[in-house]
Amino acid sequence: MAGSTVVMKLVCLLVVAMAIAAPIAQAALTCGHVSTMIKPCIHYLNKGGAVPYACCNGIRSLNSAAKTTVDRKSTCNCLKSATGSFKRITIILAATLPGKCGVSVPYKISPSTDCNKVH
């Protein structure tokens, strides 16, 4: 009986440890998440003009969601890839967009950004 009590306590301890560790092991933001959040910005990034309200909401949401270094690096890589892939995106507009939305990001949005240096 005493042996089964010890085993039961170990199982309970393991379950509690897994529950505590689960939030730590969550995946970083994906490029799909990033794309969804910046989608309202595409017209602005192609043509300029006034920054749409929905675009700034997406930028603020993305900035809020990127809480960890892993998330910020992942987001940086997604944005870097997007600015390099879409020929119509004006790099200067992309680089200045966060500031126009009142958001400060710890890196420049550019195809030349070294996202490994993001903290």
PDB file of N, CA and C in Angstrom:
ATOM      1  N   MET A   1       0.817  -1.181   0.000  1.00  0.00           N
ATOM      2  CA  MET A   1       0.000   0.000   0.000  1.00  0.00           C
ATOM      3  C   MET A   1       0.873   1.262   0.000  1.00  0.00           C
ATOM      4  N   ALA A   2       1.947   1.250   0.802  1.00  0.00           N
ATOM      5  CA  ALA A   2       2.830   2.399   0.883  1.00  0.00           C
ATOM      6  C   ALA A   2       3.512   2.646  -0.458  1.00  0.00           C
ATOM      7  N   GLY A   3       3.853   1.579  -1.178  1.00  0.00           N
ATOM      8  CA  GLY A   3       4.483   1.709  -2.491  1.00  0.00           C
ATOM      9  C   GLY A   3       3.565   2.370  -3.492  1.00  0.00           C
ATOM     10  N   SER A   4       2.286   2.039  -3.453  1.00  0.00           N
ATOM     11  CA  SER A   4       1.337   2.646  -4.393  1.00  0.00           C
ATOM     12  C   SER A   4       1.098   4.119  -4.058  1.00  0.00           C
ATOM     13  N   THR A   5       1.197   4.497  -2.804  1.00  0.00           N
ATOM     14  CA  THR A   5       1.057   5.898  -2.403  1.00  0.00           C
ATOM     15  C   THR A   5       2.214   6.723  -2.944  1.00  0.00           C
ATOM     16  N   VAL A   6       3.416   6.178  -2.884  1.00  0.00           N
ATOM     17  CA  VAL A   6       4.599   6.868  -3.411  1.00  0.00           C
ATOM     18  C   VAL A   6       4.471   7.037  -4.921  1.00  0.00           C
ATOM     19  N   VAL A   7       4.044   5.985  -5.597  1.00  0.00           N
ATOM     20  CA  VAL A   7       3.868   6.055  -7.051  1.00  0.00           C
ATOM     21  C   VAL A   7       2.813   7.102  -7.405  1.00  0.00           C
ATOM     22  N   MET A   8       1.720   7.112  -6.668  1.00  0.00           N
ATOM     23  CA  MET A   8       0.649   8.072  -6.924  1.00  0.00           C
ATOM     24  C   MET A   8       1.144   9.507  -6.719  1.00  0.00           C
ATOM     25  N   LYS A   9       1.948   9.723  -5.670  1.00  0.00           N
ATOM     26  CA  LYS A   9       2.510  11.055  -5.429  1.00  0.00           C
ATOM     27  C   LYS A   9       3.447  11.455  -6.556  1.00  0.00           C
ATOM     28  N   LEU A  10       4.242  10.520  -7.056  1.00  0.00           N
ATOM     29  CA  LEU A  10       5.150  10.810  -8.169  1.00  0.00           C
ATOM     30  C   LEU A  10       4.372  11.154  -9.438  1.00  0.00           C
ATOM     31  N   VAL A  11       3.306  10.434  -9.697  1.00  0.00           N
ATOM     32  CA  VAL A  11       2.481  10.710 -10.871  1.00  0.00           C
ATOM     33  C   VAL A  11       1.863  12.103 -10.751  1.00  0.00           C
ATOM     34  N   CYS A  12       1.341  12.438  -9.578  1.00  0.00           N
ATOM     35  CA  CYS A  12       0.760  13.768  -9.353  1.00  0.00           C
ATOM     36  C   CYS A  12       1.810  14.860  -9.538  1.00  0.00           C
ATOM     37  N   LEU A  13       3.000  14.633  -9.010  1.00  0.00           N
ATOM     38  CA  LEU A  13       4.083  15.593  -9.152  1.00  0.00           C
ATOM     39  C   LEU A  13       4.450  15.783 -10.619  1.00  0.00           C
ATOM     40  N   LEU A  14       4.493  14.698 -11.374  1.00  0.00           N
ATOM     41  CA  LEU A  14       4.805  14.761 -12.798  1.00  0.00           C
ATOM     42  C   LEU A  14       3.737  15.549 -13.556  1.00  0.00           C
ATOM     43  N   VAL A  15       2.474  15.317 -13.244  1.00  0.00           N
ATOM     44  CA  VAL A  15       1.378  16.038 -13.904  1.00  0.00           C
ATOM     45  C   VAL A  15       1.470  17.535 -13.606  1.00  0.00           C
ATOM     46  N   VAL A  16       1.735  17.892 -12.368  1.00  0.00           N
ATOM     47  CA  VAL A  16       1.877  19.301 -11.988  1.00  0.00           C
ATOM     48  C   VAL A  16       3.064  19.928 -12.716  1.00  0.00           C
ATOM     49  N   ALA A  17       4.181  19.224 -12.779  1.00  0.00           N
ATOM     50  CA  ALA A  17       5.370  19.739 -13.470  1.00  0.00           C
ATOM     51  C   ALA A  17       5.084  19.961 -14.951  1.00  0.00           C
ATOM     52  N   MET A  18       4.354  19.049 -15.570  1.00  0.00           N
ATOM     53  CA  MET A  18       4.014  19.199 -16.985  1.00  0.00           C
ATOM     54  C   MET A  18       3.090  20.390 -17.196  1.00  0.00           C
ATOM     55  N   ALA A  19       2.161  20.599 -16.291  1.00  0.00           N
ATOM     56  CA  ALA A  19       1.233  21.721 -16.410  1.00  0.00           C
ATOM     57  C   ALA A  19       1.964  23.052 -16.265  1.00  0.00           C
ATOM     58  N   ILE A  20       2.943  23.097 -15.387  1.00  0.00           N
ATOM     59  CA  ILE A  20       3.719  24.321 -15.191  1.00  0.00           C
ATOM     60  C   ILE A  20       4.618  24.577 -16.390  1.00  0.00           C
ATOM     61  N   ALA A  21       5.222  23.550 -16.948  1.00  0.00           N
ATOM     62  CA  ALA A  21       6.157  23.700 -18.058  1.00  0.00           C
ATOM     63  C   ALA A  21       5.457  23.959 -19.383  1.00  0.00           C
ATOM     64  N   ALA A  22       4.203  23.603 -19.531  1.00  0.00           N
ATOM     65  CA  ALA A  22       3.500  23.733 -20.806  1.00  0.00           C
ATOM     66  C   ALA A  22       3.521  25.153 -21.368  1.00  0.00           C
ATOM     67  N   PRO A  23       3.215  26.191 -20.579  1.00  0.00           N
ATOM     68  CA  PRO A  23       3.251  27.535 -21.152  1.00  0.00           C
ATOM     69  C   PRO A  23       4.640  27.937 -21.614  1.00  0.00           C
ATOM     70  N   ILE A  24       5.670  27.442 -20.977  1.00  0.00           N
ATOM     71  CA  ILE A  24       7.037  27.782 -21.350  1.00  0.00           C
ATOM     72  C   ILE A  24       7.384  27.198 -22.706  1.00  0.00           C
ATOM     73  N   ALA A  25       6.835  26.040 -23.033  1.00  0.00           N
ATOM     74  CA  ALA A  25       7.192  25.340 -24.255  1.00  0.00           C
ATOM     75  C   ALA A  25       6.320  25.724 -25.448  1.00  0.00           C
ATOM     76  N   GLN A  26       5.463  26.720 -25.312  1.00  0.00           N
ATOM     77  CA  GLN A  26       4.602  27.094 -26.416  1.00  0.00           C
ATOM     78  C   GLN A  26       5.428  27.553 -27.610  1.00  0.00           C
ATOM     79  N   ALA A  27       4.902  27.266 -28.786  1.00  0.00           N
ATOM     80  CA  ALA A  27       5.594  27.619 -30.019  1.00  0.00           C
ATOM     81  C   ALA A  27       5.624  29.130 -30.212  1.00  0.00           C
ATOM     82  N   ALA A  28       6.637  29.574 -30.934  1.00  0.00           N
ATOM     83  CA  ALA A  28       6.765  30.988 -31.258  1.00  0.00           C
ATOM     84  C   ALA A  28       5.683  31.373 -32.266  1.00  0.00           C
ATOM     85  N   LEU A  29       5.503  32.652 -32.457  1.00  0.00           N
ATOM     86  CA  LEU A  29       4.586  33.133 -33.478  1.00  0.00           C
ATOM     87  C   LEU A  29       5.013  32.573 -34.831  1.00  0.00           C
ATOM     88  N   THR A  30       4.057  32.167 -35.613  1.00  0.00           N
ATOM     89  CA  THR A  30       4.366  31.638 -36.944  1.00  0.00           C
ATOM     90  C   THR A  30       4.249  32.752 -37.976  1.00  0.00           C
ATOM     91  N   CYS A  31       4.793  32.497 -39.153  1.00  0.00           N
ATOM     92  CA  CYS A  31       4.654  33.477 -40.235  1.00  0.00           C
ATOM     93  C   CYS A  31       3.190  33.634 -40.639  1.00  0.00           C
ATOM     94  N   GLY A  32       2.400  32.600 -40.435  1.00  0.00           N
ATOM     95  CA  GLY A  32       0.962  32.713 -40.698  1.00  0.00           C
ATOM     96  C   GLY A  32       0.315  33.736 -39.786  1.00  0.00           C
ATOM     97  N   HIS A  33       0.683  33.702 -38.487  1.00  0.00           N
ATOM     98  CA  HIS A  33       0.165  34.703 -37.540  1.00  0.00           C
ATOM     99  C   HIS A  33       0.602  36.100 -37.966  1.00  0.00           C
ATOM    100  N   VAL A  34       1.888  36.219 -38.295  1.00  0.00           N
ATOM    101  CA  VAL A  34       2.435  37.523 -38.682  1.00  0.00           C
ATOM    102  C   VAL A  34       1.722  38.043 -39.928  1.00  0.00           C
ATOM    103  N   SER A  35       1.553  37.178 -40.927  1.00  0.00           N
ATOM    104  CA  SER A  35       0.882  37.579 -42.174  1.00  0.00           C
ATOM    105  C   SER A  35      -0.532  38.067 -41.914  1.00  0.00           C
ATOM    106  N   THR A  36      -1.250  37.358 -41.067  1.00  0.00           N
ATOM    107  CA  THR A  36      -2.622  37.753 -40.747  1.00  0.00           C
ATOM    108  C   THR A  36      -2.653  39.131 -40.103  1.00  0.00           C
ATOM    109  N   MET A  37      -1.714  39.389 -39.209  1.00  0.00           N
ATOM    110  CA  MET A  37      -1.711  40.665 -38.488  1.00  0.00           C
ATOM    111  C   MET A  37      -1.298  41.842 -39.365  1.00  0.00           C
ATOM    112  N   ILE A  38      -0.429  41.586 -40.360  1.00  0.00           N
ATOM    113  CA  ILE A  38       0.018  42.708 -41.203  1.00  0.00           C
ATOM    114  C   ILE A  38      -0.749  42.810 -42.523  1.00  0.00           C
ATOM    115  N   LYS A  39      -1.651  41.896 -42.773  1.00  0.00           N
ATOM    116  CA  LYS A  39      -2.415  41.911 -44.026  1.00  0.00           C
ATOM    117  C   LYS A  39      -3.065  43.268 -44.306  1.00  0.00           C
ATOM    118  N   PRO A  40      -3.651  43.936 -43.302  1.00  0.00           N
ATOM    119  CA  PRO A  40      -4.256  45.249 -43.582  1.00  0.00           C
ATOM    120  C   PRO A  40      -3.239  46.323 -43.989  1.00  0.00           C
ATOM    121  N   CYS A  41      -1.953  46.018 -43.895  1.00  0.00           N
ATOM    122  CA  CYS A  41      -0.907  47.002 -44.223  1.00  0.00           C
ATOM    123  C   CYS A  41      -0.408  46.892 -45.663  1.00  0.00           C
ATOM    124  N   ILE A  42      -0.775  45.834 -46.361  1.00  0.00           N
ATOM    125  CA  ILE A  42      -0.186  45.562 -47.676  1.00  0.00           C
ATOM    126  C   ILE A  42      -0.406  46.707 -48.657  1.00  0.00           C
ATOM    127  N   HIS A  43      -1.612  47.232 -48.735  1.00  0.00           N
ATOM    128  CA  HIS A  43      -1.865  48.339 -49.671  1.00  0.00           C
ATOM    129  C   HIS A  43      -0.967  49.537 -49.349  1.00  0.00           C
ATOM    130  N   TYR A  44      -0.873  49.866 -48.071  1.00  0.00           N
ATOM    131  CA  TYR A  44       0.000  50.973 -47.667  1.00  0.00           C
ATOM    132  C   TYR A  44       1.453  50.694 -48.052  1.00  0.00           C
ATOM    133  N   LEU A  45       1.921  49.473 -47.813  1.00  0.00           N
ATOM    134  CA  LEU A  45       3.307  49.131 -48.111  1.00  0.00           C
ATOM    135  C   LEU A  45       3.604  49.142 -49.607  1.00  0.00           C
ATOM    136  N   ASN A  46       2.579  48.941 -50.420  1.00  0.00           N
ATOM    137  CA  ASN A  46       2.739  48.982 -51.875  1.00  0.00           C
ATOM    138  C   ASN A  46       2.644  50.395 -52.435  1.00  0.00           C
ATOM    139  N   LYS A  47       1.727  51.199 -51.900  1.00  0.00           N
ATOM    140  CA  LYS A  47       1.397  52.485 -52.512  1.00  0.00           C
ATOM    141  C   LYS A  47       1.707  53.701 -51.650  1.00  0.00           C
ATOM    142  N   GLY A  48       1.860  53.509 -50.327  1.00  0.00           N
ATOM    143  CA  GLY A  48       2.042  54.653 -49.440  1.00  0.00           C
ATOM    144  C   GLY A  48       0.709  55.272 -49.099  1.00  0.00           C
ATOM    145  N   GLY A  49       0.734  56.538 -48.712  1.00  0.00           N
ATOM    146  CA  GLY A  49      -0.492  57.237 -48.332  1.00  0.00           C
ATOM    147  C   GLY A  49      -0.725  57.148 -46.841  1.00  0.00           C
ATOM    148  N   ALA A  50      -1.981  57.250 -46.466  1.00  0.00           N
ATOM    149  CA  ALA A  50      -2.340  57.179 -45.048  1.00  0.00           C
ATOM    150  C   ALA A  50      -2.275  55.728 -44.582  1.00  0.00           C
ATOM    151  N   VAL A  51      -1.755  55.536 -43.364  1.00  0.00           N
ATOM    152  CA  VAL A  51      -1.683  54.186 -42.787  1.00  0.00           C
ATOM    153  C   VAL A  51      -3.072  53.816 -42.281  1.00  0.00           C
ATOM    154  N   PRO A  52      -3.649  52.711 -42.777  1.00  0.00           N
ATOM    155  CA  PRO A  52      -4.984  52.325 -42.313  1.00  0.00           C
ATOM    156  C   PRO A  52      -5.016  52.004 -40.824  1.00  0.00           C
ATOM    157  N   TYR A  53      -6.135  52.340 -40.199  1.00  0.00           N
ATOM    158  CA  TYR A  53      -6.327  52.069 -38.781  1.00  0.00           C
ATOM    159  C   TYR A  53      -6.150  50.582 -38.488  1.00  0.00           C
ATOM    160  N   ALA A  54      -6.711  49.718 -39.342  1.00  0.00           N
ATOM    161  CA  ALA A  54      -6.611  48.261 -39.148  1.00  0.00           C
ATOM    162  C   ALA A  54      -5.157  47.796 -39.228  1.00  0.00           C
ATOM    163  N   CYS A  55      -4.365  48.471 -40.045  1.00  0.00           N
ATOM    164  CA  CYS A  55      -2.938  48.144 -40.153  1.00  0.00           C
ATOM    165  C   CYS A  55      -2.249  48.403 -38.812  1.00  0.00           C
ATOM    166  N   CYS A  56      -2.457  49.572 -38.253  1.00  0.00           N
ATOM    167  CA  CYS A  56      -1.824  49.898 -36.968  1.00  0.00           C
ATOM    168  C   CYS A  56      -2.312  48.976 -35.855  1.00  0.00           C
ATOM    169  N   ASN A  57      -3.587  48.598 -35.893  1.00  0.00           N
ATOM    170  CA  ASN A  57      -4.077  47.629 -34.907  1.00  0.00           C
ATOM    171  C   ASN A  57      -3.324  46.319 -35.034  1.00  0.00           C
ATOM    172  N   GLY A  58      -3.089  45.878 -36.258  1.00  0.00           N
ATOM    173  CA  GLY A  58      -2.333  44.651 -36.485  1.00  0.00           C
ATOM    174  C   GLY A  58      -0.899  44.758 -36.004  1.00  0.00           C
ATOM    175  N   ILE A  59      -0.264  45.891 -36.264  1.00  0.00           N
ATOM    176  CA  ILE A  59       1.115  46.121 -35.821  1.00  0.00           C
ATOM    177  C   ILE A  59       1.183  46.114 -34.296  1.00  0.00           C
ATOM    178  N   ARG A  60       0.232  46.781 -33.648  1.00  0.00           N
ATOM    179  CA  ARG A  60       0.212  46.799 -32.181  1.00  0.00           C
ATOM    180  C   ARG A  60      -0.046  45.397 -31.617  1.00  0.00           C
ATOM    181  N   SER A  61      -0.952  44.659 -32.234  1.00  0.00           N
ATOM    182  CA  SER A  61      -1.242  43.292 -31.789  1.00  0.00           C
ATOM    183  C   SER A  61      -0.023  42.397 -31.962  1.00  0.00           C
ATOM    184  N   LEU A  62       0.638  42.535 -33.075  1.00  0.00           N
ATOM    185  CA  LEU A  62       1.835  41.741 -33.328  1.00  0.00           C
ATOM    186  C   LEU A  62       2.923  42.064 -32.319  1.00  0.00           C
ATOM    187  N   ASN A  63       3.122  43.331 -32.048  1.00  0.00           N
ATOM    188  CA  ASN A  63       4.127  43.740 -31.075  1.00  0.00           C
ATOM    189  C   ASN A  63       3.791  43.202 -29.684  1.00  0.00           C
ATOM    190  N   SER A  64       2.521  43.233 -29.317  1.00  0.00           N
ATOM    191  CA  SER A  64       2.096  42.711 -28.014  1.00  0.00           C
ATOM    192  C   SER A  64       2.255  41.198 -27.930  1.00  0.00           C
ATOM    193  N   ALA A  65       2.029  40.519 -29.042  1.00  0.00           N
ATOM    194  CA  ALA A  65       2.114  39.054 -29.059  1.00  0.00           C
ATOM    195  C   ALA A  65       3.561  38.553 -29.001  1.00  0.00           C
ATOM    196  N   ALA A  66       4.485  39.356 -29.473  1.00  0.00           N
ATOM    197  CA  ALA A  66       5.897  38.959 -29.511  1.00  0.00           C
ATOM    198  C   ALA A  66       6.566  39.311 -28.181  1.00  0.00           C
ATOM    199  N   LYS A  67       6.231  38.555 -27.141  1.00  0.00           N
ATOM    200  CA  LYS A  67       6.704  38.851 -25.787  1.00  0.00           C
ATOM    201  C   LYS A  67       8.088  38.282 -25.492  1.00  0.00           C
ATOM    202  N   THR A  68       8.424  37.155 -26.089  1.00  0.00           N
ATOM    203  CA  THR A  68       9.692  36.496 -25.782  1.00  0.00           C
ATOM    204  C   THR A  68      10.717  36.769 -26.881  1.00  0.00           C
ATOM    205  N   THR A  69      11.968  36.512 -26.569  1.00  0.00           N
ATOM    206  CA  THR A  69      13.025  36.659 -27.571  1.00  0.00           C
ATOM    207  C   THR A  69      12.762  35.740 -28.752  1.00  0.00           C
ATOM    208  N   VAL A  70      12.309  34.524 -28.489  1.00  0.00           N
ATOM    209  CA  VAL A  70      12.008  33.576 -29.569  1.00  0.00           C
ATOM    210  C   VAL A  70      10.912  34.142 -30.466  1.00  0.00           C
ATOM    211  N   ASP A  71       9.866  34.704 -29.866  1.00  0.00           N
ATOM    212  CA  ASP A  71       8.787  35.302 -30.657  1.00  0.00           C
ATOM    213  C   ASP A  71       9.281  36.488 -31.476  1.00  0.00           C
ATOM    214  N   ARG A  72      10.105  37.343 -30.862  1.00  0.00           N
ATOM    215  CA  ARG A  72      10.609  38.524 -31.581  1.00  0.00           C
ATOM    216  C   ARG A  72      11.518  38.107 -32.737  1.00  0.00           C
ATOM    217  N   LYS A  73      12.358  37.091 -32.531  1.00  0.00           N
ATOM    218  CA  LYS A  73      13.221  36.607 -33.620  1.00  0.00           C
ATOM    219  C   LYS A  73      12.386  35.994 -34.734  1.00  0.00           C
ATOM    220  N   SER A  74      11.383  35.223 -34.356  1.00  0.00           N
ATOM    221  CA  SER A  74      10.511  34.597 -35.343  1.00  0.00           C
ATOM    222  C   SER A  74       9.773  35.660 -36.153  1.00  0.00           C
ATOM    223  N   THR A  75       9.228  36.647 -35.463  1.00  0.00           N
ATOM    224  CA  THR A  75       8.524  37.739 -36.132  1.00  0.00           C
ATOM    225  C   THR A  75       9.468  38.496 -37.050  1.00  0.00           C
ATOM    226  N   CYS A  76      10.659  38.788 -36.573  1.00  0.00           N
ATOM    227  CA  CYS A  76      11.670  39.473 -37.379  1.00  0.00           C
ATOM    228  C   CYS A  76      11.947  38.692 -38.660  1.00  0.00           C
ATOM    229  N   ASN A  77      12.159  37.387 -38.541  1.00  0.00           N
ATOM    230  CA  ASN A  77      12.449  36.568 -39.722  1.00  0.00           C
ATOM    231  C   ASN A  77      11.279  36.554 -40.697  1.00  0.00           C
ATOM    232  N   CYS A  78      10.059  36.502 -40.184  1.00  0.00           N
ATOM    233  CA  CYS A  78       8.875  36.529 -41.058  1.00  0.00           C
ATOM    234  C   CYS A  78       8.786  37.858 -41.802  1.00  0.00           C
ATOM    235  N   LEU A  79       8.974  38.952 -41.069  1.00  0.00           N
ATOM    236  CA  LEU A  79       8.900  40.273 -41.695  1.00  0.00           C
ATOM    237  C   LEU A  79      10.046  40.470 -42.683  1.00  0.00           C
ATOM    238  N   LYS A  80      11.217  39.989 -42.334  1.00  0.00           N
ATOM    239  CA  LYS A  80      12.380  40.080 -43.229  1.00  0.00           C
ATOM    240  C   LYS A  80      12.092  39.322 -44.525  1.00  0.00           C
ATOM    241  N   SER A  81      11.567  38.144 -44.389  1.00  0.00           N
ATOM    242  CA  SER A  81      11.237  37.334 -45.556  1.00  0.00           C
ATOM    243  C   SER A  81      10.173  38.022 -46.416  1.00  0.00           C
ATOM    244  N   ALA A  82       9.165  38.582 -45.762  1.00  0.00           N
ATOM    245  CA  ALA A  82       8.091  39.259 -46.495  1.00  0.00           C
ATOM    246  C   ALA A  82       8.619  40.466 -47.266  1.00  0.00           C
ATOM    247  N   THR A  83       9.483  41.259 -46.646  1.00  0.00           N
ATOM    248  CA  THR A  83       9.999  42.447 -47.333  1.00  0.00           C
ATOM    249  C   THR A  83      10.916  42.060 -48.482  1.00  0.00           C
ATOM    250  N   GLY A  84      11.554  40.904 -48.399  1.00  0.00           N
ATOM    251  CA  GLY A  84      12.413  40.446 -49.483  1.00  0.00           C
ATOM    252  C   GLY A  84      11.645  39.741 -50.587  1.00  0.00           C
ATOM    253  N   SER A  85      10.495  39.184 -50.264  1.00  0.00           N
ATOM    254  CA  SER A  85       9.724  38.391 -51.231  1.00  0.00           C
ATOM    255  C   SER A  85       8.794  39.214 -52.106  1.00  0.00           C
ATOM    256  N   PHE A  86       8.200  40.223 -51.531  1.00  0.00           N
ATOM    257  CA  PHE A  86       7.227  41.018 -52.266  1.00  0.00           C
ATOM    258  C   PHE A  86       7.914  42.210 -52.906  1.00  0.00           C
ATOM    259  N   LYS A  87       8.046  42.159 -54.201  1.00  0.00           N
ATOM    260  CA  LYS A  87       8.785  43.200 -54.934  1.00  0.00           C
ATOM    261  C   LYS A  87       8.118  44.564 -54.862  1.00  0.00           C
ATOM    262  N   ARG A  88       6.817  44.589 -54.640  1.00  0.00           N
ATOM    263  CA  ARG A  88       6.106  45.865 -54.635  1.00  0.00           C
ATOM    264  C   ARG A  88       6.217  46.595 -53.298  1.00  0.00           C
ATOM    265  N   ILE A  89       6.634  45.898 -52.252  1.00  0.00           N
ATOM    266  CA  ILE A  89       6.738  46.546 -50.944  1.00  0.00           C
ATOM    267  C   ILE A  89       7.883  47.546 -50.960  1.00  0.00           C
ATOM    268  N   THR A  90       7.584  48.756 -50.536  1.00  0.00           N
ATOM    269  CA  THR A  90       8.609  49.786 -50.431  1.00  0.00           C
ATOM    270  C   THR A  90       9.304  49.618 -49.088  1.00  0.00           C
ATOM    271  N   ILE A  91      10.597  49.344 -49.139  1.00  0.00           N
ATOM    272  CA  ILE A  91      11.371  49.043 -47.930  1.00  0.00           C
ATOM    273  C   ILE A  91      11.316  50.196 -46.929  1.00  0.00           C
ATOM    274  N   ILE A  92      11.386  51.414 -47.398  1.00  0.00           N
ATOM    275  CA  ILE A  92      11.345  52.567 -46.484  1.00  0.00           C
ATOM    276  C   ILE A  92      10.000  52.622 -45.754  1.00  0.00           C
ATOM    277  N   LEU A  93       8.918  52.336 -46.470  1.00  0.00           N
ATOM    278  CA  LEU A  93       7.601  52.331 -45.817  1.00  0.00           C
ATOM    279  C   LEU A  93       7.523  51.221 -44.776  1.00  0.00           C
ATOM    280  N   ALA A  94       8.083  50.055 -45.097  1.00  0.00           N
ATOM    281  CA  ALA A  94       8.081  48.937 -44.146  1.00  0.00           C
ATOM    282  C   ALA A  94       8.892  49.291 -42.902  1.00  0.00           C
ATOM    283  N   ALA A  95      10.053  49.900 -43.101  1.00  0.00           N
ATOM    284  CA  ALA A  95      10.936  50.224 -41.980  1.00  0.00           C
ATOM    285  C   ALA A  95      10.336  51.273 -41.048  1.00  0.00           C
ATOM    286  N   THR A  96       9.559  52.184 -41.597  1.00  0.00           N
ATOM    287  CA  THR A  96       9.015  53.275 -40.782  1.00  0.00           C
ATOM    288  C   THR A  96       7.592  52.998 -40.274  1.00  0.00           C
ATOM    289  N   LEU A  97       6.983  51.912 -40.737  1.00  0.00           N
ATOM    290  CA  LEU A  97       5.600  51.616 -40.368  1.00  0.00           C
ATOM    291  C   LEU A  97       5.364  51.495 -38.861  1.00  0.00           C
ATOM    292  N   PRO A  98       6.177  50.741 -38.119  1.00  0.00           N
ATOM    293  CA  PRO A  98       5.911  50.659 -36.674  1.00  0.00           C
ATOM    294  C   PRO A  98       5.864  52.031 -35.999  1.00  0.00           C
ATOM    295  N   GLY A  99       6.809  52.897 -36.333  1.00  0.00           N
ATOM    296  CA  GLY A  99       6.832  54.235 -35.751  1.00  0.00           C
ATOM    297  C   GLY A  99       5.593  55.045 -36.094  1.00  0.00           C
ATOM    298  N   LYS A 100       5.096  54.883 -37.321  1.00  0.00           N
ATOM    299  CA  LYS A 100       3.882  55.607 -37.727  1.00  0.00           C
ATOM    300  C   LYS A 100       2.661  55.107 -36.957  1.00  0.00           C
ATOM    301  N   CYS A 101       2.760  53.891 -36.435  1.00  0.00           N
ATOM    302  CA  CYS A 101       1.660  53.328 -35.634  1.00  0.00           C
ATOM    303  C   CYS A 101       1.916  53.498 -34.140  1.00  0.00           C
ATOM    304  N   GLY A 102       2.989  54.218 -33.782  1.00  0.00           N
ATOM    305  CA  GLY A 102       3.288  54.452 -32.376  1.00  0.00           C
ATOM    306  C   GLY A 102       3.868  53.239 -31.668  1.00  0.00           C
ATOM    307  N   VAL A 103       4.503  52.353 -32.434  1.00  0.00           N
ATOM    308  CA  VAL A 103       5.068  51.128 -31.876  1.00  0.00           C
ATOM    309  C   VAL A 103       6.581  51.153 -32.063  1.00  0.00           C
ATOM    310  N   SER A 104       7.289  50.744 -31.031  1.00  0.00           N
ATOM    311  CA  SER A 104       8.745  50.647 -31.104  1.00  0.00           C
ATOM    312  C   SER A 104       9.139  49.174 -31.161  1.00  0.00           C
ATOM    313  N   VAL A 105       9.845  48.789 -32.217  1.00  0.00           N
ATOM    314  CA  VAL A 105      10.334  47.412 -32.333  1.00  0.00           C
ATOM    315  C   VAL A 105      11.851  47.431 -32.223  1.00  0.00           C
ATOM    316  N   PRO A 106      12.443  46.359 -31.690  1.00  0.00           N
ATOM    317  CA  PRO A 106      13.891  46.347 -31.433  1.00  0.00           C
ATOM    318  C   PRO A 106      14.751  46.013 -32.653  1.00  0.00           C
ATOM    319  N   TYR A 107      14.213  46.191 -33.861  1.00  0.00           N
ATOM    320  CA  TYR A 107      14.979  45.916 -35.070  1.00  0.00           C
ATOM    321  C   TYR A 107      14.353  46.686 -36.225  1.00  0.00           C
ATOM    322  N   LYS A 108      15.127  46.844 -37.286  1.00  0.00           N
ATOM    323  CA  LYS A 108      14.647  47.506 -38.484  1.00  0.00           C
ATOM    324  C   LYS A 108      13.976  46.462 -39.374  1.00  0.00           C
ATOM    325  N   ILE A 109      12.818  46.764 -39.895  1.00  0.00           N
ATOM    326  CA  ILE A 109      12.140  45.838 -40.810  1.00  0.00           C
ATOM    327  C   ILE A 109      12.763  46.037 -42.187  1.00  0.00           C
ATOM    328  N   SER A 110      13.596  45.082 -42.556  1.00  0.00           N
ATOM    329  CA  SER A 110      14.364  45.184 -43.794  1.00  0.00           C
ATOM    330  C   SER A 110      14.862  43.805 -44.198  1.00  0.00           C
ATOM    331  N   PRO A 111      15.071  43.571 -45.501  1.00  0.00           N
ATOM    332  CA  PRO A 111      15.629  42.284 -45.932  1.00  0.00           C
ATOM    333  C   PRO A 111      17.068  42.076 -45.447  1.00  0.00           C
ATOM    334  N   SER A 112      17.719  43.142 -45.003  1.00  0.00           N
ATOM    335  CA  SER A 112      19.112  43.015 -44.554  1.00  0.00           C
ATOM    336  C   SER A 112      19.255  42.892 -43.035  1.00  0.00           C
ATOM    337  N   THR A 113      18.169  42.874 -42.309  1.00  0.00           N
ATOM    338  CA  THR A 113      18.219  42.780 -40.844  1.00  0.00           C
ATOM    339  C   THR A 113      18.745  41.421 -40.409  1.00  0.00           C
ATOM    340  N   ASP A 114      19.647  41.425 -39.429  1.00  0.00           N
ATOM    341  CA  ASP A 114      20.147  40.183 -38.840  1.00  0.00           C
ATOM    342  C   ASP A 114      19.261  39.851 -37.631  1.00  0.00           C
ATOM    343  N   CYS A 115      18.285  38.993 -37.854  1.00  0.00           N
ATOM    344  CA  CYS A 115      17.313  38.668 -36.805  1.00  0.00           C
ATOM    345  C   CYS A 115      17.937  37.873 -35.667  1.00  0.00           C
ATOM    346  N   ASN A 116      19.109  37.310 -35.858  1.00  0.00           N
ATOM    347  CA  ASN A 116      19.787  36.590 -34.763  1.00  0.00           C
ATOM    348  C   ASN A 116      20.246  37.548 -33.674  1.00  0.00           C
ATOM    349  N   LYS A 117      20.329  38.833 -33.982  1.00  0.00           N
ATOM    350  CA  LYS A 117      20.759  39.823 -32.995  1.00  0.00           C
ATOM    351  C   LYS A 117      19.590  40.417 -32.211  1.00  0.00           C
ATOM    352  N   VAL A 118      18.375  40.006 -32.541  1.00  0.00           N
ATOM    353  CA  VAL A 118      17.175  40.515 -31.855  1.00  0.00           C
ATOM    354  C   VAL A 118      17.091  39.856 -30.482  1.00  0.00           C
ATOM    355  N   HIS A 119      16.770  40.674 -29.476  1.00  0.00           N
ATOM    356  CA  HIS A 119      16.651  40.158 -28.100  1.00  0.00           C
ATOM    357  C   HIS A 119      15.254  40.264 -27.599  1.00  0.00           C
TER     358      HIS A 119
END
